[in-house]
C-alpha atoms as a PDB file:
ATOM      1  CA  MET A   1     -12.935  12.820  13.970  1.00  0.00           C
ATOM      2  CA  PRO A   2     -11.166  15.658  12.131  1.00  0.00           C
ATOM      3  CA  ASP A   3     -11.402  15.616   8.363  1.00  0.00           C
ATOM      4  CA  ILE A   4      -8.707  13.118   7.326  1.00  0.00           C
ATOM      5  CA  LYS A   5      -7.849  15.410   4.435  1.00  0.00           C
ATOM      6  CA  GLN A   6      -6.933  18.140   6.891  1.00  0.00           C
ATOM      7  CA  ILE A   7      -4.737  16.127   9.251  1.00  0.00           C
ATOM      8  CA  GLN A   8      -1.260  17.618   9.317  1.00  0.00           C
ATOM      9  CA  TRP A   9       1.670  15.213   9.525  1.00  0.00           C
ATOM     10  CA  PHE A  10       5.054  15.827  11.034  1.00  0.00           C
ATOM     11  CA  PRO A  11       6.931  18.030   8.523  1.00  0.00           C
ATOM     12  CA  GLY A  12      10.246  17.148  10.142  1.00  0.00           C
ATOM     13  CA  HIS A  13       9.734  13.448   9.340  1.00  0.00           C
ATOM     14  CA  MET A  14       9.058  14.180   5.666  1.00  0.00           C
ATOM     15  CA  ALA A  15      11.985  16.590   5.485  1.00  0.00           C
ATOM     16  CA  LYS A  16      14.336  14.005   7.023  1.00  0.00           C
ATOM     17  CA  THR A  17      13.195  11.274   4.654  1.00  0.00           C
ATOM     18  CA  ARG A  18      13.462  13.601   1.649  1.00  0.00           C
ATOM     19  CA  ARG A  19      17.017  14.436   2.694  1.00  0.00           C
ATOM     20  CA  LEU A  20      17.896  10.739   3.122  1.00  0.00           C
ATOM     21  CA  MET A  21      16.548   9.969  -0.341  1.00  0.00           C
ATOM     22  CA  LYS A  22      18.422  12.783  -2.058  1.00  0.00           C
ATOM     23  CA  GLU A  23      21.654  11.920  -0.263  1.00  0.00           C
ATOM     24  CA  SER A  24      21.320   8.258  -1.250  1.00  0.00           C
ATOM     25  CA  LEU A  25      20.257   8.653  -4.892  1.00  0.00           C
ATOM     26  CA  PRO A  26      23.837   8.789  -6.255  1.00  0.00           C
ATOM     27  CA  ASP A  27      24.461   5.398  -4.605  1.00  0.00           C
ATOM     28  CA  VAL A  28      21.595   3.554  -6.315  1.00  0.00           C
ATOM     29  CA  ASP A  29      20.875   2.440  -9.874  1.00  0.00           C
ATOM     30  CA  ILE A  30      17.094   2.322  -9.679  1.00  0.00           C
ATOM     31  CA  VAL A  31      14.136   3.221  -7.445  1.00  0.00           C
ATOM     32  CA  LEU A  32      11.436   0.696  -6.560  1.00  0.00           C
ATOM     33  CA  GLU A  33       8.234   2.461  -5.557  1.00  0.00           C
ATOM     34  CA  LEU A  34       5.745   0.292  -3.674  1.00  0.00           C
ATOM     35  CA  LEU A  35       2.044   1.083  -3.928  1.00  0.00           C
ATOM     36  CA  ASP A  36      -0.837  -0.680  -2.216  1.00  0.00           C
ATOM     37  CA  ALA A  37      -2.587  -2.686  -4.961  1.00  0.00           C
ATOM     38  CA  ARG A  38      -5.942  -1.932  -3.331  1.00  0.00           C
ATOM     39  CA  ILE A  39      -5.390   1.845  -3.642  1.00  0.00           C
ATOM     40  CA  PRO A  40      -2.683   2.574  -6.261  1.00  0.00           C
ATOM     41  CA  TYR A  41      -3.822   6.172  -6.700  1.00  0.00           C
ATOM     42  CA  SER A  42      -4.207   7.039  -3.024  1.00  0.00           C
ATOM     43  CA  SER A  43      -0.988   5.293  -1.959  1.00  0.00           C
ATOM     44  CA  LYS A  44       1.230   7.138  -4.440  1.00  0.00           C
ATOM     45  CA  ASN A  45       3.203   9.848  -2.653  1.00  0.00           C
ATOM     46  CA  PRO A  46       3.226  12.846  -5.042  1.00  0.00           C
ATOM     47  CA  GLU A  47       6.525  14.023  -3.518  1.00  0.00           C
ATOM     48  CA  ILE A  48       8.493  10.967  -4.698  1.00  0.00           C
ATOM     49  CA  LYS A  49       8.833  11.936  -8.356  1.00  0.00           C
ATOM     50  CA  LYS A  50      10.038  15.408  -7.397  1.00  0.00           C
ATOM     51  CA  ILE A  51      12.714  13.868  -5.183  1.00  0.00           C
ATOM     52  CA  ILE A  52      14.097  11.156  -7.480  1.00  0.00           C
ATOM     53  CA  GLY A  53      14.037  13.196 -10.679  1.00  0.00           C
ATOM     54  CA  ASP A  54      15.236  11.196 -13.713  1.00  0.00           C
ATOM     55  CA  LYS A  55      16.429   8.127 -11.787  1.00  0.00           C
ATOM     56  CA  PRO A  56      14.961   4.945 -13.353  1.00  0.00           C
ATOM     57  CA  ILE A  57      11.896   3.734 -11.455  1.00  0.00           C
ATOM     58  CA  VAL A  58       9.755   0.593 -11.330  1.00  0.00           C
ATOM     59  CA  THR A  59       6.294   0.699  -9.771  1.00  0.00           C
ATOM     60  CA  ILE A  60       5.351  -2.307  -7.652  1.00  0.00           C
ATOM     61  CA  LEU A  61       1.701  -2.996  -6.866  1.00  0.00           C
ATOM     62  CA  ASN A  62       2.153  -4.815  -3.567  1.00  0.00           C
ATOM     63  CA  LYS A  63      -0.350  -6.735  -1.426  1.00  0.00           C
ATOM     64  CA  ALA A  64      -1.824  -8.123  -4.636  1.00  0.00           C
ATOM     65  CA  SER A  65      -3.417 -11.072  -2.830  1.00  0.00           C
ATOM     66  CA  LEU A  66      -5.698  -8.590  -1.022  1.00  0.00           C
ATOM     67  CA  ALA A  67      -6.827  -6.755  -4.174  1.00  0.00           C
ATOM     68  CA  ASP A  68      -9.210  -7.633  -6.987  1.00  0.00           C
ATOM     69  CA  PRO A  69      -6.909  -9.365  -9.522  1.00  0.00           C
ATOM     70  CA  LYS A  70      -8.730  -7.933 -12.559  1.00  0.00           C
ATOM     71  CA  VAL A  71      -8.514  -4.382 -11.246  1.00  0.00           C
ATOM     72  CA  THR A  72      -4.835  -4.869 -10.376  1.00  0.00           C
ATOM     73  CA  ALA A  73      -4.127  -6.102 -13.895  1.00  0.00           C
ATOM     74  CA  ASP A  74      -5.883  -2.998 -15.259  1.00  0.00           C
ATOM     75  CA  TRP A  75      -3.718  -0.774 -13.044  1.00  0.00           C
ATOM     76  CA  CYS A  76      -0.536  -2.536 -14.141  1.00  0.00           C
ATOM     77  CA  ARG A  77      -1.420  -2.100 -17.812  1.00  0.00           C
ATOM     78  CA  TRP A  78      -2.279   1.558 -17.216  1.00  0.00           C
ATOM     79  CA  TYR A  79       1.078   2.192 -15.559  1.00  0.00           C
ATOM     80  CA  ARG A  80       3.061   0.440 -18.270  1.00  0.00           C
ATOM     81  CA  THR A  81       1.249   2.467 -20.925  1.00  0.00           C
ATOM     82  CA  ASN A  82       1.230   5.880 -19.263  1.00  0.00           C
ATOM     83  CA  VAL A  83       3.919   6.139 -16.593  1.00  0.00           C
ATOM     84  CA  ASN A  84       6.737   3.601 -16.181  1.00  0.00           C
ATOM     85  CA  PRO A  85       7.443  -0.146 -15.858  1.00  0.00           C
ATOM     86  CA  CYS A  86       5.132  -1.847 -13.374  1.00  0.00           C
ATOM     87  CA  VAL A  87       4.887  -5.282 -11.754  1.00  0.00           C
ATOM     88  CA  THR A  88       2.311  -6.938  -9.531  1.00  0.00           C
ATOM     89  CA  LEU A  89       3.727  -8.491  -6.390  1.00  0.00           C
ATOM     90  CA  ASP A  90       2.724 -10.039  -3.107  1.00  0.00           C
ATOM     91  CA  CYS A  91       5.284 -10.423  -0.352  1.00  0.00           C
ATOM     92  CA  LEU A  92       3.251 -13.061   1.486  1.00  0.00           C
ATOM     93  CA  THR A  93       2.945 -15.470  -1.436  1.00  0.00           C
ATOM     94  CA  GLY A  94       6.044 -14.522  -3.422  1.00  0.00           C
ATOM     95  CA  GLU A  95       3.921 -13.777  -6.493  1.00  0.00           C
ATOM     96  CA  GLY A  96       5.743 -11.475  -8.895  1.00  0.00           C
ATOM     97  CA  VAL A  97       9.295 -11.774  -7.530  1.00  0.00           C
ATOM     98  CA  THR A  98      10.633 -13.219 -10.791  1.00  0.00           C
ATOM     99  CA  ASP A  99       8.812 -10.520 -12.778  1.00  0.00           C
ATOM    100  CA  LEU A 100      10.418  -7.873 -10.578  1.00  0.00           C
ATOM    101  CA  LYS A 101      13.910  -9.278 -11.144  1.00  0.00           C
ATOM    102  CA  ASN A 102      13.383  -9.446 -14.906  1.00  0.00           C
ATOM    103  CA  THR A 103      11.892  -5.957 -15.081  1.00  0.00           C
ATOM    104  CA  VAL A 104      14.772  -4.424 -13.144  1.00  0.00           C
ATOM    105  CA  ARG A 105      17.273  -6.077 -15.465  1.00  0.00           C
ATOM    106  CA  GLU A 106      15.339  -4.850 -18.522  1.00  0.00           C
ATOM    107  CA  VAL A 107      15.289  -1.262 -17.243  1.00  0.00           C
ATOM    108  CA  LEU A 108      19.012  -1.395 -16.408  1.00  0.00           C
ATOM    109  CA  ALA A 109      20.039  -3.393 -19.484  1.00  0.00           C
ATOM    110  CA  ASP A 110      22.403  -0.688 -20.762  1.00  0.00           C
ATOM    111  CA  LYS A 111      24.162  -0.366 -17.400  1.00  0.00           C
ATOM    112  CA  ILE A 112      24.477  -4.144 -17.087  1.00  0.00           C
ATOM    113  CA  ALA A 113      25.971  -4.269 -20.607  1.00  0.00           C
ATOM    114  CA  ARG A 114      28.531  -1.606 -19.666  1.00  0.00           C
ATOM    115  CA  TYR A 115      29.503  -3.611 -16.593  1.00  0.00           C
ATOM    116  CA  CYS A 116      30.003  -6.690 -18.780  1.00  0.00           C
ATOM    117  CA  ASP A 117      32.152  -4.730 -21.230  1.00  0.00           C
ATOM    118  CA  ARG A 118      34.379  -3.701 -18.321  1.00  0.00           C
ATOM    119  CA  GLY A 119      34.730  -7.248 -17.062  1.00  0.00           C
ATOM    120  CA  MET A 120      32.351  -6.671 -14.154  1.00  0.00           C
ATOM    121  CA  GLU A 121      29.703  -9.194 -15.164  1.00  0.00           C
ATOM    122  CA  GLY A 122      27.526 -10.123 -12.210  1.00  0.00           C
ATOM    123  CA  ARG A 123      28.147  -6.866 -10.370  1.00  0.00           C
ATOM    124  CA  ARG A 124      25.417  -6.316  -7.821  1.00  0.00           C
ATOM    125  CA  LEU A 125      22.865  -3.647  -8.701  1.00  0.00           C
ATOM    126  CA  LYS A 126      21.528  -1.240  -6.080  1.00  0.00           C
ATOM    127  CA  ALA A 127      17.916  -0.229  -5.602  1.00  0.00           C
ATOM    128  CA  MET A 128      16.178   2.197  -3.268  1.00  0.00           C
ATOM    129  CA  ILE A 129      12.765   1.112  -1.965  1.00  0.00           C
ATOM    130  CA  VAL A 130      10.264   3.886  -1.292  1.00  0.00           C
ATOM    131  CA  GLY A 131       6.611   4.033  -0.359  1.00  0.00           C
ATOM    132  CA  ILE A 132       4.082   5.118   2.240  1.00  0.00           C
ATOM    133  CA  PRO A 133       3.938   3.588   5.737  1.00  0.00           C
ATOM    134  CA  ASN A 134       2.693  -0.010   6.012  1.00  0.00           C
ATOM    135  CA  VAL A 135       2.849  -0.651   2.262  1.00  0.00           C
ATOM    136  CA  GLY A 136       5.172  -3.629   2.721  1.00  0.00           C
ATOM    137  CA  LYS A 137       8.702  -2.361   2.067  1.00  0.00           C
ATOM    138  CA  SER A 138      10.270  -4.373   4.874  1.00  0.00           C
ATOM    139  CA  SER A 139       8.258  -7.450   3.893  1.00  0.00           C
ATOM    140  CA  LEU A 140       9.546  -7.132   0.325  1.00  0.00           C
ATOM    141  CA  ILE A 141      13.120  -6.900   1.554  1.00  0.00           C
ATOM    142  CA  ASN A 142      12.697 -10.009   3.679  1.00  0.00           C
ATOM    143  CA  ARG A 143      11.085 -11.886   0.780  1.00  0.00           C
ATOM    144  CA  LEU A 144      13.933 -10.977  -1.594  1.00  0.00           C
ATOM    145  CA  ALA A 145      16.630 -11.571   1.023  1.00  0.00           C
ATOM    146  CA  GLY A 146      15.270 -14.997   1.908  1.00  0.00           C
ATOM    147  CA  GLY A 147      14.879 -14.275   5.593  1.00  0.00           C
ATOM    148  CA  LYS A 148      14.059 -11.728   8.241  1.00  0.00           C
ATOM    149  CA  HIS A 149      16.445  -8.839   7.770  1.00  0.00           C
ATOM    150  CA  ALA A 150      14.086  -5.909   8.215  1.00  0.00           C
ATOM    151  CA  LYS A 151      11.668  -5.383  11.075  1.00  0.00           C
ATOM    152  CA  VAL A 152       8.099  -6.114   9.996  1.00  0.00           C
ATOM    153  CA  GLU A 153       4.856  -5.235  11.754  1.00  0.00           C
ATOM    154  CA  ASN A 154       1.346  -4.664  10.438  1.00  0.00           C
ATOM    155  CA  ARG A 155       1.348  -1.032  11.440  1.00  0.00           C
ATOM    156  CA  PRO A 156       2.805   2.132   9.906  1.00  0.00           C
ATOM    157  CA  GLY A 157       6.045   3.760  10.981  1.00  0.00           C
ATOM    158  CA  VAL A 158       8.166   0.710  11.836  1.00  0.00           C
ATOM    159  CA  THR A 159      11.170   1.556   9.618  1.00  0.00           C
ATOM    160  CA  LEU A 160      12.670   4.812  10.895  1.00  0.00           C
ATOM    161  CA  THR A 161      16.127   4.872   9.297  1.00  0.00           C
ATOM    162  CA  LYS A 162      17.643   3.743   6.010  1.00  0.00           C
ATOM    163  CA  GLN A 163      19.238   0.293   5.858  1.00  0.00           C
ATOM    164  CA  TRP A 164      21.047  -1.765   3.176  1.00  0.00           C
ATOM    165  CA  VAL A 165      20.191  -5.430   2.638  1.00  0.00           C
ATOM    166  CA  SER A 166      21.642  -7.913   0.121  1.00  0.00           C
ATOM    167  CA  THR A 167      19.269 -10.230  -1.750  1.00  0.00           C
ATOM    168  CA  ASP A 168      19.348 -13.464  -3.722  1.00  0.00           C
ATOM    169  CA  ILE A 169      18.360 -11.802  -7.022  1.00  0.00           C
ATOM    170  CA  GLY A 170      21.475  -9.713  -7.583  1.00  0.00           C
ATOM    171  CA  LEU A 171      20.148  -6.575  -5.919  1.00  0.00           C
ATOM    172  CA  SER A 172      21.254  -4.677  -2.861  1.00  0.00           C
ATOM    173  CA  LEU A 173      18.204  -2.924  -1.412  1.00  0.00           C
ATOM    174  CA  LEU A 174      18.153   0.363   0.440  1.00  0.00           C
ATOM    175  CA  ASP A 175      15.042   0.616   2.601  1.00  0.00           C
ATOM    176  CA  MET A 176      13.709   4.101   3.289  1.00  0.00           C
ATOM    177  CA  PRO A 177      11.323   5.122   6.075  1.00  0.00           C
ATOM    178  CA  GLY A 178       7.717   5.192   4.944  1.00  0.00           C
ATOM    179  CA  VAL A 179       6.252   8.666   4.956  1.00  0.00           C
ATOM    180  CA  LEU A 180       3.045  10.462   4.032  1.00  0.00           C
ATOM    181  CA  TRP A 181       3.003  13.836   2.360  1.00  0.00           C
ATOM    182  CA  PRO A 182       2.117  16.935   4.418  1.00  0.00           C
ATOM    183  CA  LYS A 183      -1.502  17.363   3.315  1.00  0.00           C
ATOM    184  CA  PHE A 184      -4.007  15.408   1.242  1.00  0.00           C
ATOM    185  CA  ASP A 185      -5.685  17.381  -1.537  1.00  0.00           C
ATOM    186  CA  GLU A 186      -8.568  14.914  -1.788  1.00  0.00           C
ATOM    187  CA  LYS A 187     -10.755  13.664   1.036  1.00  0.00           C
ATOM    188  CA  ARG A 188     -11.139  10.240  -0.567  1.00  0.00           C
ATOM    189  CA  VAL A 189      -7.353   9.750  -0.597  1.00  0.00           C
ATOM    190  CA  GLY A 190      -7.160  10.264   3.162  1.00  0.00           C
ATOM    191  CA  GLU A 191     -10.113   7.948   3.717  1.00  0.00           C
ATOM    192  CA  ASN A 192      -8.531   5.195   1.630  1.00  0.00           C
ATOM    193  CA  LEU A 193      -5.209   5.509   3.466  1.00  0.00           C
ATOM    194  CA  ALA A 194      -7.019   5.319   6.807  1.00  0.00           C
ATOM    195  CA  ALA A 195      -9.068   2.293   5.754  1.00  0.00           C
ATOM    196  CA  THR A 196      -6.012   0.315   4.606  1.00  0.00           C
ATOM    197  CA  GLY A 197      -3.942   1.117   7.703  1.00  0.00           C
ATOM    198  CA  ALA A 198      -1.408   3.556   6.247  1.00  0.00           C
ATOM    199  CA  ILE A 199      -2.405   6.071   8.909  1.00  0.00           C
ATOM    200  CA  ARG A 200      -2.081   5.062  12.547  1.00  0.00           C
ATOM    201  CA  ASP A 201      -5.455   4.153  14.042  1.00  0.00           C
ATOM    202  CA  GLN A 202      -4.417   5.859  17.269  1.00  0.00           C
ATOM    203  CA  ILE A 203      -4.819   9.325  15.748  1.00  0.00           C
ATOM    204  CA  LEU A 204      -8.153   8.579  14.067  1.00  0.00           C
ATOM    205  CA  ASP A 205     -11.724   7.862  15.086  1.00  0.00           C
ATOM    206  CA  VAL A 206     -11.776   4.195  14.045  1.00  0.00           C
ATOM    207  CA  GLU A 207     -15.559   4.055  14.254  1.00  0.00           C
ATOM    208  CA  GLU A 208     -15.893   6.797  11.654  1.00  0.00           C
ATOM    209  CA  VAL A 209     -13.207   5.223   9.471  1.00  0.00           C
ATOM    210  CA  ALA A 210     -15.103   1.926   9.628  1.00  0.00           C
ATOM    211  CA  MET A 211     -18.391   3.604   8.708  1.00  0.00           C
ATOM    212  CA  ILE A 212     -16.733   5.215   5.686  1.00  0.00           C
ATOM    213  CA  LEU A 213     -15.278   1.829   4.729  1.00  0.00           C
ATOM    214  CA  ALA A 214     -18.646   0.084   5.133  1.00  0.00           C
ATOM    215  CA  LEU A 215     -20.239   2.410   2.593  1.00  0.00           C
ATOM    216  CA  ARG A 216     -17.250   2.053   0.248  1.00  0.00           C
ATOM    217  CA  LEU A 217     -17.475  -1.746   0.381  1.00  0.00           C
ATOM    218  CA  ALA A 218     -21.210  -1.595  -0.310  1.00  0.00           C
ATOM    219  CA  GLU A 219     -20.305   0.420  -3.395  1.00  0.00           C
ATOM    220  CA  VAL A 220     -17.336  -1.529  -4.817  1.00  0.00           C
ATOM    221  CA  ALA A 221     -17.854  -5.074  -3.461  1.00  0.00           C
ATOM    222  CA  PRO A 222     -21.480  -5.489  -2.337  1.00  0.00           C
ATOM    223  CA  ASP A 223     -21.574  -9.252  -2.880  1.00  0.00           C
ATOM    224  CA  LEU A 224     -18.463  -9.871  -0.780  1.00  0.00           C
ATOM    225  CA  LEU A 225     -19.711  -7.573   1.987  1.00  0.00           C
ATOM    226  CA  ALA A 226     -23.101  -9.277   2.024  1.00  0.00           C
ATOM    227  CA  ALA A 227     -21.589 -12.750   2.070  1.00  0.00           C
ATOM    228  CA  ARG A 228     -19.194 -12.000   4.928  1.00  0.00           C
ATOM    229  CA  TYR A 229     -21.812 -10.433   7.189  1.00  0.00           C
ATOM    230  CA  ARG A 230     -24.867 -12.407   6.037  1.00  0.00           C
ATOM    231  CA  LEU A 231     -26.684  -9.369   4.666  1.00  0.00           C
ATOM    232  CA  ALA A 232     -29.829 -10.224   2.743  1.00  0.00           C
ATOM    233  CA  PRO A 233     -30.729  -8.584  -0.578  1.00  0.00           C
ATOM    234  CA  GLY A 234     -32.707  -5.425   0.024  1.00  0.00           C
ATOM    235  CA  GLU A 235     -31.594  -5.295   3.649  1.00  0.00           C
ATOM    236  CA  TYR A 236     -28.632  -2.953   3.372  1.00  0.00           C
ATOM    237  CA  GLU A 237     -28.479  -1.230  -0.026  1.00  0.00           C
ATOM    238  CA  ASP A 238     -30.102   2.074   0.978  1.00  0.00           C
ATOM    239  CA  LEU A 239     -28.665   2.393   4.491  1.00  0.00           C
ATOM    240  CA  ASP A 240     -26.440   5.284   5.518  1.00  0.00           C
ATOM    241  CA  ALA A 241     -22.992   4.720   7.037  1.00  0.00           C
ATOM    242  CA  TYR A 242     -24.199   4.555  10.647  1.00  0.00           C
ATOM    243  CA  ASP A 243     -27.093   2.183   9.990  1.00  0.00           C
ATOM    244  CA  LEU A 244     -25.012  -0.098   7.758  1.00  0.00           C
ATOM    245  CA  THR A 245     -22.281  -0.402  10.384  1.00  0.00           C
ATOM    246  CA  GLU A 246     -24.908  -1.009  13.060  1.00  0.00           C
ATOM    247  CA  LEU A 247     -26.445  -3.765  10.933  1.00  0.00           C
ATOM    248  CA  ILE A 248     -23.039  -5.419  10.525  1.00  0.00           C
ATOM    249  CA  GLY A 249     -22.577  -5.314  14.305  1.00  0.00           C
ATOM    250  CA  LYS A 250     -25.982  -6.907  14.834  1.00  0.00           C
ATOM    251  CA  LYS A 251     -25.244  -9.645  12.310  1.00  0.00           C
ATOM    252  CA  ARG A 252     -22.002 -10.462  14.102  1.00  0.00           C
ATOM    253  CA  GLY A 253     -23.699 -10.412  17.505  1.00  0.00           C
ATOM    254  CA  PHE A 254     -21.622  -7.537  18.864  1.00  0.00           C
ATOM    255  CA  LEU A 255     -24.258  -6.423  21.348  1.00  0.00           C
ATOM    256  CA  MET A 256     -23.921  -4.768  24.727  1.00  0.00           C
ATOM    257  CA  ALA A 257     -26.273  -4.828  27.702  1.00  0.00           C
ATOM    258  CA  GLY A 258     -29.693  -3.640  26.608  1.00  0.00           C
ATOM    259  CA  GLY A 259     -29.163  -4.801  23.013  1.00  0.00           C
ATOM    260  CA  ALA A 260     -27.208  -1.794  21.717  1.00  0.00           C
ATOM    261  CA  VAL A 261     -24.483  -2.536  19.158  1.00  0.00           C
ATOM    262  CA  ASN A 262     -20.886  -2.286  20.346  1.00  0.00           C
ATOM    263  CA  PHE A 263     -19.688   0.115  17.654  1.00  0.00           C
ATOM    264  CA  ARG A 264     -16.067   0.026  18.740  1.00  0.00           C
ATOM    265  CA  ARG A 265     -15.835  -3.718  18.428  1.00  0.00           C
ATOM    266  CA  THR A 266     -17.765  -3.652  15.145  1.00  0.00           C
ATOM    267  CA  ALA A 267     -15.460  -0.994  13.719  1.00  0.00           C
ATOM    268  CA  GLU A 268     -12.263  -2.769  14.746  1.00  0.00           C
ATOM    269  CA  THR A 269     -13.545  -6.066  13.339  1.00  0.00           C
ATOM    270  CA  LEU A 270     -14.606  -4.555  10.011  1.00  0.00           C
ATOM    271  CA  LEU A 271     -11.261  -2.802   9.554  1.00  0.00           C
ATOM    272  CA  ASP A 272      -9.277  -5.879  10.564  1.00  0.00           C
ATOM    273  CA  GLU A 273     -11.222  -8.205   8.281  1.00  0.00           C
ATOM    274  CA  PHE A 274     -10.885  -5.850   5.318  1.00  0.00           C
ATOM    275  CA  ARG A 275      -7.169  -5.301   5.867  1.00  0.00           C
ATOM    276  CA  SER A 276      -6.474  -9.023   6.260  1.00  0.00           C
ATOM    277  CA  GLY A 277      -8.518 -10.025   3.213  1.00  0.00           C
ATOM    278  CA  LYS A 278     -11.126 -11.993   5.157  1.00  0.00           C
ATOM    279  CA  ILE A 279     -13.947 -10.156   3.401  1.00  0.00           C
ATOM    280  CA  GLY A 280     -12.384 -10.948   0.028  1.00  0.00           C
ATOM    281  CA  ARG A 281     -10.031  -9.536  -2.588  1.00  0.00           C
ATOM    282  CA  ILE A 282     -11.184  -5.947  -2.887  1.00  0.00           C
ATOM    283  CA  SER A 283      -9.806  -2.893  -4.704  1.00  0.00           C
ATOM    284  CA  LEU A 284     -11.067   0.517  -3.636  1.00  0.00           C
ATOM    285  CA  GLU A 285      -9.852   2.291  -6.784  1.00  0.00           C
ATOM    286  CA  LYS A 286      -9.853   1.722 -10.515  1.00  0.00           C
ATOM    287  CA  PRO A 287      -7.499   3.414 -13.032  1.00  0.00           C
ATOM    288  CA  LYS A 288      -9.834   6.105 -14.350  1.00  0.00           C
ATOM    289  CA  ARG A 289      -7.575   9.130 -14.076  1.00  0.00           C
ATOM    290  CA  ALA A 290      -3.938  10.163 -14.220  1.00  0.00           C
ATOM    291  CA  VAL A 291      -1.677   9.239 -11.353  1.00  0.00           C
END
């Protein structure tokens, strides 16, 4: 597999999305930036701030039900202290929707007051939703709109054009295509994006991604990893990526003729069970540095 850090994305896609954002900014009151709560640092597109400039922004840590709640709370506090307003949200459970509504109204309090002074109380506010592929923008829209208005699939690159949707919380939402930036400066960022499904599996070596993830889980959530795959104490701690993944395959019984482990099946299972939360609520990053 090529170094994930070195994979080059389609510059035309980023350029088109950047143009859509800039063209649409005058039409919105606020920007909602979705980050993956499991990887708030790695899932933050560094191009976004350059594009939106001084437009008010709220950071949303989405997929909270998949992340370690304590770590997510630490991230939210860090953002509120150092960057901008932040809320924790989960589109599947609806957790955080009320907090999002209240936070948006707090950020736009002056604009809302001006509307009231002009006799336009209750005027619908407009928000642009931005974020990387597969971070849950369409799911958030459907949650806030009370139904299926945006196409949702558990794979990156589903939303390809901008679309407006009205919601039940006084917001009109403008969904933007999810896009990655042209090149990752840090190898770990690319690895985290691959592990969480922000990068299409079809262009990666899923076996290598799974081996990287196995080592990461042994580092950040050893008890959950051991419990899911019935790993005994002292059995896995000092293994390298290949041997740890092979052990997981053996524990799950993913064996081929002759007793060799089916690495492809093991890799796909490990990635699927991490992404779906079956291993447990796991965060791959903690707020130790600036975002």
